[in-house]
Amino acid sequence: MSTKPDDCLPCRLISGFGVMGMGAYIYHQAARRKPVERNIMKIISVGAILLGAARLLNMEFLKSTKSDQSR
């Protein structure tokens, strides 16, 4: 069994803001698309922004359980 250390703050900041930045970029690029593509891209961008925010807040659902670590 390996013990993984907790996520450090710089790691969470870089990955959280990185994913949120990708979401913002996708949202910005959606303005140049056709209506159906635009709506799909907006949904994806909102999902990325929410995932980045969850990463910054260190939400529990992003962490592995003990049964996942034993593999």
N, C-alpha and C. Protein backbone atom coordinates (compact mmCIF):
# COMPACT_ATOMS: atom_id res chain seq x y z
N MET A 1 0.83 -1.19 0.00
CA MET A 1 0.00 0.00 0.00
C MET A 1 0.87 1.25 0.00
N SER A 2 0.52 2.15 -0.81
CA SER A 2 1.23 3.43 -0.80
C SER A 2 0.35 4.48 -0.17
N THR A 3 0.98 5.33 0.59
CA THR A 3 0.21 6.42 1.20
C THR A 3 0.49 7.68 0.41
N LYS A 4 -0.56 8.25 -0.13
CA LYS A 4 -0.41 9.47 -0.92
C LYS A 4 -0.59 10.66 0.00
N PRO A 5 0.29 11.64 -0.09
CA PRO A 5 0.10 12.83 0.73
C PRO A 5 -1.10 13.64 0.22
N ASP A 6 -1.64 14.45 1.10
CA ASP A 6 -2.75 15.32 0.70
C ASP A 6 -2.29 16.29 -0.38
N ASP A 7 -3.25 16.77 -1.14
CA ASP A 7 -2.93 17.76 -2.16
C ASP A 7 -2.41 19.04 -1.51
N CYS A 8 -1.37 19.57 -2.07
CA CYS A 8 -0.85 20.83 -1.54
C CYS A 8 -1.63 21.99 -2.17
N LEU A 9 -1.58 23.12 -1.53
CA LEU A 9 -2.32 24.29 -1.99
C LEU A 9 -1.87 24.74 -3.38
N PRO A 10 -0.56 24.82 -3.67
CA PRO A 10 -0.16 25.23 -5.03
C PRO A 10 -0.67 24.29 -6.12
N CYS A 11 -0.72 22.99 -5.83
CA CYS A 11 -1.24 22.04 -6.82
C CYS A 11 -2.71 22.30 -7.10
N ARG A 12 -3.49 22.53 -6.04
CA ARG A 12 -4.91 22.80 -6.21
C ARG A 12 -5.13 24.12 -6.94
N LEU A 13 -4.32 25.14 -6.64
CA LEU A 13 -4.48 26.43 -7.31
C LEU A 13 -4.19 26.34 -8.80
N ILE A 14 -3.08 25.69 -9.13
CA ILE A 14 -2.70 25.59 -10.54
C ILE A 14 -3.74 24.78 -11.33
N SER A 15 -4.13 23.63 -10.82
CA SER A 15 -5.08 22.81 -11.57
C SER A 15 -6.48 23.42 -11.56
N GLY A 16 -6.90 23.99 -10.44
CA GLY A 16 -8.23 24.60 -10.37
C GLY A 16 -8.38 25.78 -11.31
N PHE A 17 -7.42 26.71 -11.23
CA PHE A 17 -7.50 27.87 -12.12
C PHE A 17 -7.23 27.49 -13.57
N GLY A 18 -6.44 26.45 -13.78
CA GLY A 18 -6.20 25.99 -15.16
C GLY A 18 -7.47 25.47 -15.81
N VAL A 19 -8.20 24.64 -15.09
CA VAL A 19 -9.46 24.09 -15.63
C VAL A 19 -10.49 25.21 -15.79
N MET A 20 -10.54 26.13 -14.84
CA MET A 20 -11.46 27.26 -14.97
C MET A 20 -11.09 28.14 -16.17
N GLY A 21 -9.80 28.30 -16.41
CA GLY A 21 -9.34 29.06 -17.58
C GLY A 21 -9.73 28.39 -18.88
N MET A 22 -9.64 27.07 -18.93
CA MET A 22 -10.07 26.34 -20.12
C MET A 22 -11.57 26.54 -20.35
N GLY A 23 -12.33 26.48 -19.26
CA GLY A 23 -13.77 26.70 -19.38
C GLY A 23 -14.10 28.09 -19.89
N ALA A 24 -13.38 29.09 -19.39
CA ALA A 24 -13.61 30.46 -19.85
C ALA A 24 -13.24 30.61 -21.33
N TYR A 25 -12.16 29.96 -21.75
CA TYR A 25 -11.75 30.02 -23.15
C TYR A 25 -12.79 29.36 -24.06
N ILE A 26 -13.30 28.21 -23.65
CA ILE A 26 -14.31 27.52 -24.44
C ILE A 26 -15.58 28.38 -24.52
N TYR A 27 -15.95 28.99 -23.41
CA TYR A 27 -17.14 29.86 -23.40
C TYR A 27 -16.96 31.03 -24.35
N HIS A 28 -15.77 31.61 -24.34
CA HIS A 28 -15.49 32.74 -25.23
C HIS A 28 -15.52 32.32 -26.70
N GLN A 29 -15.00 31.14 -27.00
CA GLN A 29 -14.98 30.66 -28.38
C GLN A 29 -16.36 30.23 -28.87
N ALA A 30 -17.28 29.98 -27.97
CA ALA A 30 -18.62 29.54 -28.35
C ALA A 30 -19.38 30.62 -29.11
N ALA A 31 -19.03 31.87 -28.92
CA ALA A 31 -19.73 32.98 -29.59
C ALA A 31 -19.59 32.92 -31.10
N ARG A 32 -18.57 32.25 -31.59
CA ARG A 32 -18.30 32.21 -33.04
C ARG A 32 -18.92 31.00 -33.73
N ARG A 33 -19.71 30.25 -33.02
CA ARG A 33 -20.24 29.00 -33.57
C ARG A 33 -21.72 29.12 -33.94
N LYS A 34 -22.20 28.07 -34.60
CA LYS A 34 -23.63 27.98 -34.91
C LYS A 34 -24.40 27.72 -33.62
N PRO A 35 -25.70 27.98 -33.59
CA PRO A 35 -26.47 27.88 -32.33
C PRO A 35 -26.35 26.53 -31.60
N VAL A 36 -26.42 25.42 -32.33
CA VAL A 36 -26.34 24.12 -31.66
C VAL A 36 -24.95 23.92 -31.06
N GLU A 37 -23.93 24.22 -31.84
CA GLU A 37 -22.56 24.10 -31.35
C GLU A 37 -22.32 25.04 -30.17
N ARG A 38 -22.86 26.23 -30.27
CA ARG A 38 -22.71 27.23 -29.21
C ARG A 38 -23.27 26.71 -27.89
N ASN A 39 -24.46 26.13 -27.92
CA ASN A 39 -25.07 25.62 -26.70
C ASN A 39 -24.28 24.45 -26.10
N ILE A 40 -23.79 23.57 -26.94
CA ILE A 40 -22.99 22.44 -26.46
C ILE A 40 -21.69 22.95 -25.83
N MET A 41 -21.05 23.90 -26.48
CA MET A 41 -19.80 24.44 -25.94
C MET A 41 -20.04 25.19 -24.63
N LYS A 42 -21.15 25.87 -24.50
CA LYS A 42 -21.45 26.56 -23.25
C LYS A 42 -21.67 25.57 -22.11
N ILE A 43 -22.34 24.46 -22.39
CA ILE A 43 -22.56 23.44 -21.37
C ILE A 43 -21.22 22.85 -20.92
N ILE A 44 -20.36 22.56 -21.88
CA ILE A 44 -19.04 22.01 -21.55
C ILE A 44 -18.22 23.02 -20.75
N SER A 45 -18.29 24.29 -21.13
CA SER A 45 -17.50 25.31 -20.42
C SER A 45 -17.99 25.51 -19.00
N VAL A 46 -19.30 25.49 -18.79
CA VAL A 46 -19.83 25.63 -17.43
C VAL A 46 -19.41 24.43 -16.58
N GLY A 47 -19.43 23.25 -17.17
CA GLY A 47 -18.97 22.06 -16.45
C GLY A 47 -17.50 22.16 -16.05
N ALA A 48 -16.67 22.67 -16.96
CA ALA A 48 -15.25 22.82 -16.66
C ALA A 48 -15.04 23.86 -15.56
N ILE A 49 -15.78 24.96 -15.62
CA ILE A 49 -15.65 25.99 -14.58
C ILE A 49 -16.07 25.45 -13.22
N LEU A 50 -17.16 24.68 -13.18
CA LEU A 50 -17.60 24.09 -11.92
C LEU A 50 -16.61 23.06 -11.40
N LEU A 51 -16.02 22.28 -12.29
CA LEU A 51 -15.02 21.30 -11.87
C LEU A 51 -13.78 22.00 -11.32
N GLY A 52 -13.37 23.09 -11.95
CA GLY A 52 -12.23 23.85 -11.44
C GLY A 52 -12.52 24.46 -10.08
N ALA A 53 -13.73 24.96 -9.89
CA ALA A 53 -14.11 25.51 -8.59
C ALA A 53 -14.13 24.42 -7.53
N ALA A 54 -14.61 23.23 -7.88
CA ALA A 54 -14.62 22.11 -6.94
C ALA A 54 -13.20 21.72 -6.57
N ARG A 55 -12.31 21.78 -7.53
CA ARG A 55 -10.89 21.46 -7.27
C ARG A 55 -10.28 22.48 -6.33
N LEU A 56 -10.59 23.74 -6.53
CA LEU A 56 -10.07 24.79 -5.65
C LEU A 56 -10.59 24.63 -4.22
N LEU A 57 -11.84 24.23 -4.10
CA LEU A 57 -12.46 24.07 -2.78
C LEU A 57 -12.17 22.72 -2.14
N ASN A 58 -11.41 21.87 -2.85
CA ASN A 58 -11.00 20.56 -2.33
C ASN A 58 -12.21 19.72 -1.94
N MET A 59 -13.17 19.62 -2.84
CA MET A 59 -14.41 18.89 -2.58
C MET A 59 -14.15 17.40 -2.39
N GLU A 60 -14.97 16.77 -1.58
CA GLU A 60 -14.79 15.37 -1.22
C GLU A 60 -14.98 14.42 -2.39
N PHE A 61 -15.89 14.72 -3.33
CA PHE A 61 -16.17 13.77 -4.41
C PHE A 61 -15.00 13.62 -5.37
N LEU A 62 -14.01 14.50 -5.28
CA LEU A 62 -12.83 14.38 -6.14
C LEU A 62 -11.76 13.47 -5.55
N LYS A 63 -11.91 13.12 -4.29
CA LYS A 63 -10.89 12.32 -3.61
C LYS A 63 -11.21 10.84 -3.76
N SER A 64 -10.16 10.03 -3.81
CA SER A 64 -10.37 8.59 -3.92
C SER A 64 -10.69 8.01 -2.55
N THR A 65 -11.40 6.90 -2.57
CA THR A 65 -11.73 6.21 -1.33
C THR A 65 -10.64 5.18 -1.03
N LYS A 66 -10.70 4.59 0.14
CA LYS A 66 -9.69 3.59 0.50
C LYS A 66 -9.75 2.38 -0.41
N SER A 67 -10.93 2.00 -0.89
CA SER A 67 -11.03 0.85 -1.78
C SER A 67 -10.38 1.15 -3.13
N ASP A 68 -10.39 2.42 -3.56
CA ASP A 68 -9.73 2.79 -4.81
C ASP A 68 -8.21 2.76 -4.66
N GLN A 69 -7.71 3.05 -3.48
CA GLN A 69 -6.26 3.12 -3.27
C GLN A 69 -5.63 1.74 -3.16
N SER A 70 -6.41 0.71 -2.86
CA SER A 70 -5.85 -0.62 -2.68
C SER A 70 -5.60 -1.33 -4.00
N ARG A 71 -5.98 -0.76 -5.11
CA ARG A 71 -5.79 -1.40 -6.42
C ARG A 71 -4.38 -1.31 -6.89
